[in-house]
Amino acid sequence: MTSPRRRQSATRGRKRRTHWKVRKPALSTCPSCGKPKPPHFACPHCGYYKGRVAIVVETK
């Protein structure tokens, strides 16, 4: 592989990196307990998914 002919300017590198963003995780509310949960996942608080028990959650 060859070496770059010229150094890229800082502005040009920063323009390329403008799309490297950290996004907030998408959350939806659980219909059975009302707590926030990731969409398309079983609720980590109550264990329900699509109206039925998907996982058994141990309570303290």
PDB file of N, CA and C in Angstrom:
ATOM      1  N   MET A   1       0.842  -1.176   0.000  1.00  0.00           N
ATOM      2  CA  MET A   1       0.000   0.000   0.000  1.00  0.00           C
ATOM      3  C   MET A   1       0.890   1.243   0.000  1.00  0.00           C
ATOM      4  N   THR A   2       0.523   2.226  -0.764  1.00  0.00           N
ATOM      5  CA  THR A   2       1.343   3.433  -0.860  1.00  0.00           C
ATOM      6  C   THR A   2       1.032   4.390   0.277  1.00  0.00           C
ATOM      7  N   SER A   3       1.951   5.329   0.454  1.00  0.00           N
ATOM      8  CA  SER A   3       1.773   6.350   1.489  1.00  0.00           C
ATOM      9  C   SER A   3       0.924   7.490   0.940  1.00  0.00           C
ATOM     10  N   PRO A   4       0.229   8.219   1.817  1.00  0.00           N
ATOM     11  CA  PRO A   4      -0.525   9.376   1.350  1.00  0.00           C
ATOM     12  C   PRO A   4       0.428  10.446   0.806  1.00  0.00           C
ATOM     13  N   ARG A   5       0.027  11.100  -0.253  1.00  0.00           N
ATOM     14  CA  ARG A   5       0.907  12.109  -0.855  1.00  0.00           C
ATOM     15  C   ARG A   5       0.999  13.368  -0.009  1.00  0.00           C
ATOM     16  N   ARG A   6      -0.139  13.776   0.577  1.00  0.00           N
ATOM     17  CA  ARG A   6      -0.140  14.979   1.410  1.00  0.00           C
ATOM     18  C   ARG A   6      -0.891  14.724   2.697  1.00  0.00           C
ATOM     19  N   ARG A   7      -0.554  15.504   3.697  1.00  0.00           N
ATOM     20  CA  ARG A   7      -1.226  15.409   4.985  1.00  0.00           C
ATOM     21  C   ARG A   7      -2.623  15.987   4.849  1.00  0.00           C
ATOM     22  N   GLN A   8      -3.601  15.301   5.449  1.00  0.00           N
ATOM     23  CA  GLN A   8      -4.962  15.831   5.424  1.00  0.00           C
ATOM     24  C   GLN A   8      -5.103  16.895   6.489  1.00  0.00           C
ATOM     25  N   SER A   9      -5.774  17.983   6.176  1.00  0.00           N
ATOM     26  CA  SER A   9      -5.944  19.054   7.153  1.00  0.00           C
ATOM     27  C   SER A   9      -6.879  18.603   8.273  1.00  0.00           C
ATOM     28  N   ALA A  10      -6.781  19.274   9.417  1.00  0.00           N
ATOM     29  CA  ALA A  10      -7.624  18.948  10.571  1.00  0.00           C
ATOM     30  C   ALA A  10      -9.097  19.175  10.243  1.00  0.00           C
ATOM     31  N   THR A  11      -9.378  20.229   9.483  1.00  0.00           N
ATOM     32  CA  THR A  11     -10.766  20.528   9.118  1.00  0.00           C
ATOM     33  C   THR A  11     -11.364  19.422   8.278  1.00  0.00           C
ATOM     34  N   ARG A  12     -10.576  18.912   7.351  1.00  0.00           N
ATOM     35  CA  ARG A  12     -11.076  17.863   6.483  1.00  0.00           C
ATOM     36  C   ARG A  12     -11.351  16.570   7.261  1.00  0.00           C
ATOM     37  N   GLY A  13     -10.466  16.247   8.190  1.00  0.00           N
ATOM     38  CA  GLY A  13     -10.675  15.072   9.032  1.00  0.00           C
ATOM     39  C   GLY A  13     -11.892  15.233   9.928  1.00  0.00           C
ATOM     40  N   ARG A  14     -12.086  16.426  10.463  1.00  0.00           N
ATOM     41  CA  ARG A  14     -13.248  16.683  11.325  1.00  0.00           C
ATOM     42  C   ARG A  14     -14.553  16.632  10.541  1.00  0.00           C
ATOM     43  N   LYS A  15     -14.522  17.084   9.304  1.00  0.00           N
ATOM     44  CA  LYS A  15     -15.728  16.999   8.453  1.00  0.00           C
ATOM     45  C   LYS A  15     -16.129  15.551   8.235  1.00  0.00           C
ATOM     46  N   ARG A  16     -15.143  14.685   8.078  1.00  0.00           N
ATOM     47  CA  ARG A  16     -15.423  13.274   7.870  1.00  0.00           C
ATOM     48  C   ARG A  16     -16.014  12.638   9.128  1.00  0.00           C
ATOM     49  N   ARG A  17     -15.595  13.134  10.299  1.00  0.00           N
ATOM     50  CA  ARG A  17     -16.031  12.538  11.561  1.00  0.00           C
ATOM     51  C   ARG A  17     -17.313  13.143  12.119  1.00  0.00           C
ATOM     52  N   THR A  18     -17.997  14.014  11.389  1.00  0.00           N
ATOM     53  CA  THR A  18     -19.195  14.657  11.930  1.00  0.00           C
ATOM     54  C   THR A  18     -20.325  13.678  12.186  1.00  0.00           C
ATOM     55  N   HIS A  19     -20.314  12.527  11.552  1.00  0.00           N
ATOM     56  CA  HIS A  19     -21.399  11.562  11.717  1.00  0.00           C
ATOM     57  C   HIS A  19     -21.112  10.540  12.805  1.00  0.00           C
ATOM     58  N   TRP A  20     -19.978  10.632  13.477  1.00  0.00           N
ATOM     59  CA  TRP A  20     -19.651   9.724  14.576  1.00  0.00           C
ATOM     60  C   TRP A  20     -20.295  10.253  15.831  1.00  0.00           C
ATOM     61  N   LYS A  21     -21.554   9.955  16.034  1.00  0.00           N
ATOM     62  CA  LYS A  21     -22.272  10.504  17.174  1.00  0.00           C
ATOM     63  C   LYS A  21     -22.738   9.389  18.088  1.00  0.00           C
ATOM     64  N   VAL A  22     -22.805   9.690  19.356  1.00  0.00           N
ATOM     65  CA  VAL A  22     -23.374   8.770  20.329  1.00  0.00           C
ATOM     66  C   VAL A  22     -24.833   9.144  20.487  1.00  0.00           C
ATOM     67  N   ARG A  23     -25.709   8.180  20.291  1.00  0.00           N
ATOM     68  CA  ARG A  23     -27.139   8.456  20.387  1.00  0.00           C
ATOM     69  C   ARG A  23     -27.700   7.858  21.654  1.00  0.00           C
ATOM     70  N   LYS A  24     -28.776   8.461  22.141  1.00  0.00           N
ATOM     71  CA  LYS A  24     -29.451   7.918  23.304  1.00  0.00           C
ATOM     72  C   LYS A  24     -30.105   6.598  22.919  1.00  0.00           C
ATOM     73  N   PRO A  25     -30.104   5.618  23.818  1.00  0.00           N
ATOM     74  CA  PRO A  25     -30.769   4.355  23.479  1.00  0.00           C
ATOM     75  C   PRO A  25     -32.271   4.552  23.378  1.00  0.00           C
ATOM     76  N   ALA A  26     -32.879   3.901  22.403  1.00  0.00           N
ATOM     77  CA  ALA A  26     -34.326   4.003  22.212  1.00  0.00           C
ATOM     78  C   ALA A  26     -35.013   3.218  23.321  1.00  0.00           C
ATOM     79  N   LEU A  27     -35.993   3.824  23.964  1.00  0.00           N
ATOM     80  CA  LEU A  27     -36.730   3.164  25.032  1.00  0.00           C
ATOM     81  C   LEU A  27     -38.222   3.311  24.774  1.00  0.00           C
ATOM     82  N   SER A  28     -38.954   2.260  25.113  1.00  0.00           N
ATOM     83  CA  SER A  28     -40.408   2.318  25.061  1.00  0.00           C
ATOM     84  C   SER A  28     -40.919   1.897  26.431  1.00  0.00           C
ATOM     85  N   THR A  29     -42.190   2.162  26.700  1.00  0.00           N
ATOM     86  CA  THR A  29     -42.736   1.800  28.003  1.00  0.00           C
ATOM     87  C   THR A  29     -43.326   0.397  27.937  1.00  0.00           C
ATOM     88  N   CYS A  30     -43.159  -0.326  29.004  1.00  0.00           N
ATOM     89  CA  CYS A  30     -43.712  -1.676  29.106  1.00  0.00           C
ATOM     90  C   CYS A  30     -45.212  -1.563  29.350  1.00  0.00           C
ATOM     91  N   PRO A  31     -46.049  -2.247  28.564  1.00  0.00           N
ATOM     92  CA  PRO A  31     -47.488  -2.128  28.761  1.00  0.00           C
ATOM     93  C   PRO A  31     -47.982  -2.780  30.054  1.00  0.00           C
ATOM     94  N   SER A  32     -47.224  -3.731  30.610  1.00  0.00           N
ATOM     95  CA  SER A  32     -47.706  -4.391  31.822  1.00  0.00           C
ATOM     96  C   SER A  32     -47.263  -3.687  33.100  1.00  0.00           C
ATOM     97  N   CYS A  33     -46.021  -3.188  33.158  1.00  0.00           N
ATOM     98  CA  CYS A  33     -45.573  -2.534  34.394  1.00  0.00           C
ATOM     99  C   CYS A  33     -45.355  -1.035  34.239  1.00  0.00           C
ATOM    100  N   GLY A  34     -45.233  -0.529  32.998  1.00  0.00           N
ATOM    101  CA  GLY A  34     -45.100   0.905  32.765  1.00  0.00           C
ATOM    102  C   GLY A  34     -43.687   1.444  32.870  1.00  0.00           C
ATOM    103  N   LYS A  35     -42.705   0.593  33.124  1.00  0.00           N
ATOM    104  CA  LYS A  35     -41.322   1.059  33.228  1.00  0.00           C
ATOM    105  C   LYS A  35     -40.669   1.070  31.848  1.00  0.00           C
ATOM    106  N   PRO A  36     -39.623   1.889  31.659  1.00  0.00           N
ATOM    107  CA  PRO A  36     -38.964   1.933  30.344  1.00  0.00           C
ATOM    108  C   PRO A  36     -38.182   0.654  30.053  1.00  0.00           C
ATOM    109  N   LYS A  37     -38.233   0.228  28.785  1.00  0.00           N
ATOM    110  CA  LYS A  37     -37.518  -0.969  28.351  1.00  0.00           C
ATOM    111  C   LYS A  37     -37.112  -0.779  26.897  1.00  0.00           C
ATOM    112  N   PRO A  38     -36.086  -1.490  26.424  1.00  0.00           N
ATOM    113  CA  PRO A  38     -35.727  -1.392  25.006  1.00  0.00           C
ATOM    114  C   PRO A  38     -36.813  -2.027  24.144  1.00  0.00           C
ATOM    115  N   PRO A  39     -37.128  -1.460  22.988  1.00  0.00           N
ATOM    116  CA  PRO A  39     -38.156  -2.044  22.130  1.00  0.00           C
ATOM    117  C   PRO A  39     -37.716  -3.404  21.592  1.00  0.00           C
ATOM    118  N   HIS A  40     -38.660  -4.304  21.394  1.00  0.00           N
ATOM    119  CA  HIS A  40     -38.442  -5.655  20.878  1.00  0.00           C
ATOM    120  C   HIS A  40     -37.628  -6.523  21.825  1.00  0.00           C
ATOM    121  N   PHE A  41     -37.652  -6.212  23.119  1.00  0.00           N
ATOM    122  CA  PHE A  41     -36.978  -7.008  24.136  1.00  0.00           C
ATOM    123  C   PHE A  41     -37.967  -7.291  25.251  1.00  0.00           C
ATOM    124  N   ALA A  42     -37.753  -8.369  25.970  1.00  0.00           N
ATOM    125  CA  ALA A  42     -38.573  -8.645  27.145  1.00  0.00           C
ATOM    126  C   ALA A  42     -38.240  -7.612  28.217  1.00  0.00           C
ATOM    127  N   CYS A  43     -39.229  -7.240  29.003  1.00  0.00           N
ATOM    128  CA  CYS A  43     -39.032  -6.234  30.047  1.00  0.00           C
ATOM    129  C   CYS A  43     -38.127  -6.809  31.133  1.00  0.00           C
ATOM    130  N   PRO A  44     -37.040  -6.109  31.482  1.00  0.00           N
ATOM    131  CA  PRO A  44     -36.145  -6.638  32.515  1.00  0.00           C
ATOM    132  C   PRO A  44     -36.735  -6.541  33.918  1.00  0.00           C
ATOM    133  N   HIS A  45     -37.810  -5.749  34.090  1.00  0.00           N
ATOM    134  CA  HIS A  45     -38.409  -5.560  35.413  1.00  0.00           C
ATOM    135  C   HIS A  45     -39.487  -6.598  35.706  1.00  0.00           C
ATOM    136  N   CYS A  46     -40.347  -6.882  34.734  1.00  0.00           N
ATOM    137  CA  CYS A  46     -41.449  -7.820  34.982  1.00  0.00           C
ATOM    138  C   CYS A  46     -41.335  -9.107  34.170  1.00  0.00           C
ATOM    139  N   GLY A  47     -40.536  -9.113  33.088  1.00  0.00           N
ATOM    140  CA  GLY A  47     -40.330 -10.326  32.308  1.00  0.00           C
ATOM    141  C   GLY A  47     -41.347 -10.561  31.208  1.00  0.00           C
ATOM    142  N   TYR A  48     -42.250  -9.604  30.973  1.00  0.00           N
ATOM    143  CA  TYR A  48     -43.284  -9.777  29.950  1.00  0.00           C
ATOM    144  C   TYR A  48     -42.799  -9.311  28.586  1.00  0.00           C
ATOM    145  N   TYR A  49     -43.288  -9.987  27.550  1.00  0.00           N
ATOM    146  CA  TYR A  49     -43.063  -9.562  26.168  1.00  0.00           C
ATOM    147  C   TYR A  49     -44.296  -9.938  25.368  1.00  0.00           C
ATOM    148  N   LYS A  50     -44.886  -8.980  24.707  1.00  0.00           N
ATOM    149  CA  LYS A  50     -46.105  -9.150  23.898  1.00  0.00           C
ATOM    150  C   LYS A  50     -47.241  -9.780  24.709  1.00  0.00           C
ATOM    151  N   GLY A  51     -47.399  -9.340  25.955  1.00  0.00           N
ATOM    152  CA  GLY A  51     -48.519  -9.758  26.774  1.00  0.00           C
ATOM    153  C   GLY A  51     -48.390 -11.102  27.464  1.00  0.00           C
ATOM    154  N   ARG A  52     -47.237 -11.759  27.355  1.00  0.00           N
ATOM    155  CA  ARG A  52     -47.066 -13.038  28.053  1.00  0.00           C
ATOM    156  C   ARG A  52     -45.689 -13.094  28.702  1.00  0.00           C
ATOM    157  N   VAL A  53     -45.536 -13.971  29.655  1.00  0.00           N
ATOM    158  CA  VAL A  53     -44.287 -14.085  30.390  1.00  0.00           C
ATOM    159  C   VAL A  53     -43.233 -14.709  29.473  1.00  0.00           C
ATOM    160  N   ALA A  54     -42.137 -13.989  29.294  1.00  0.00           N
ATOM    161  CA  ALA A  54     -41.066 -14.472  28.435  1.00  0.00           C
ATOM    162  C   ALA A  54     -39.877 -14.951  29.267  1.00  0.00           C
ATOM    163  N   ILE A  55     -39.590 -14.245  30.347  1.00  0.00           N
ATOM    164  CA  ILE A  55     -38.502 -14.636  31.249  1.00  0.00           C
ATOM    165  C   ILE A  55     -39.006 -14.550  32.677  1.00  0.00           C
ATOM    166  N   VAL A  56     -38.424 -15.349  33.543  1.00  0.00           N
ATOM    167  CA  VAL A  56     -38.775 -15.299  34.953  1.00  0.00           C
ATOM    168  C   VAL A  56     -37.774 -14.363  35.645  1.00  0.00           C
ATOM    169  N   VAL A  57     -38.307 -13.313  36.278  1.00  0.00           N
ATOM    170  CA  VAL A  57     -37.464 -12.315  36.929  1.00  0.00           C
ATOM    171  C   VAL A  57     -37.521 -12.564  38.431  1.00  0.00           C
ATOM    172  N   GLU A  58     -36.338 -12.664  39.020  1.00  0.00           N
ATOM    173  CA  GLU A  58     -36.268 -12.839  40.467  1.00  0.00           C
ATOM    174  C   GLU A  58     -36.406 -11.489  41.145  1.00  0.00           C
ATOM    175  N   THR A  59     -37.264 -11.422  42.169  1.00  0.00           N
ATOM    176  CA  THR A  59     -37.447 -10.169  42.913  1.00  0.00           C
ATOM    177  C   THR A  59     -36.721 -10.273  44.253  1.00  0.00           C
ATOM    178  N   LYS A  60     -36.240  -9.127  44.707  1.00  0.00           N
ATOM    179  CA  LYS A  60     -35.492  -9.112  45.968  1.00  0.00           C
ATOM    180  C   LYS A  60     -36.436  -8.922  47.137  1.00  0.00           C
TER     181      LYS A  60
END
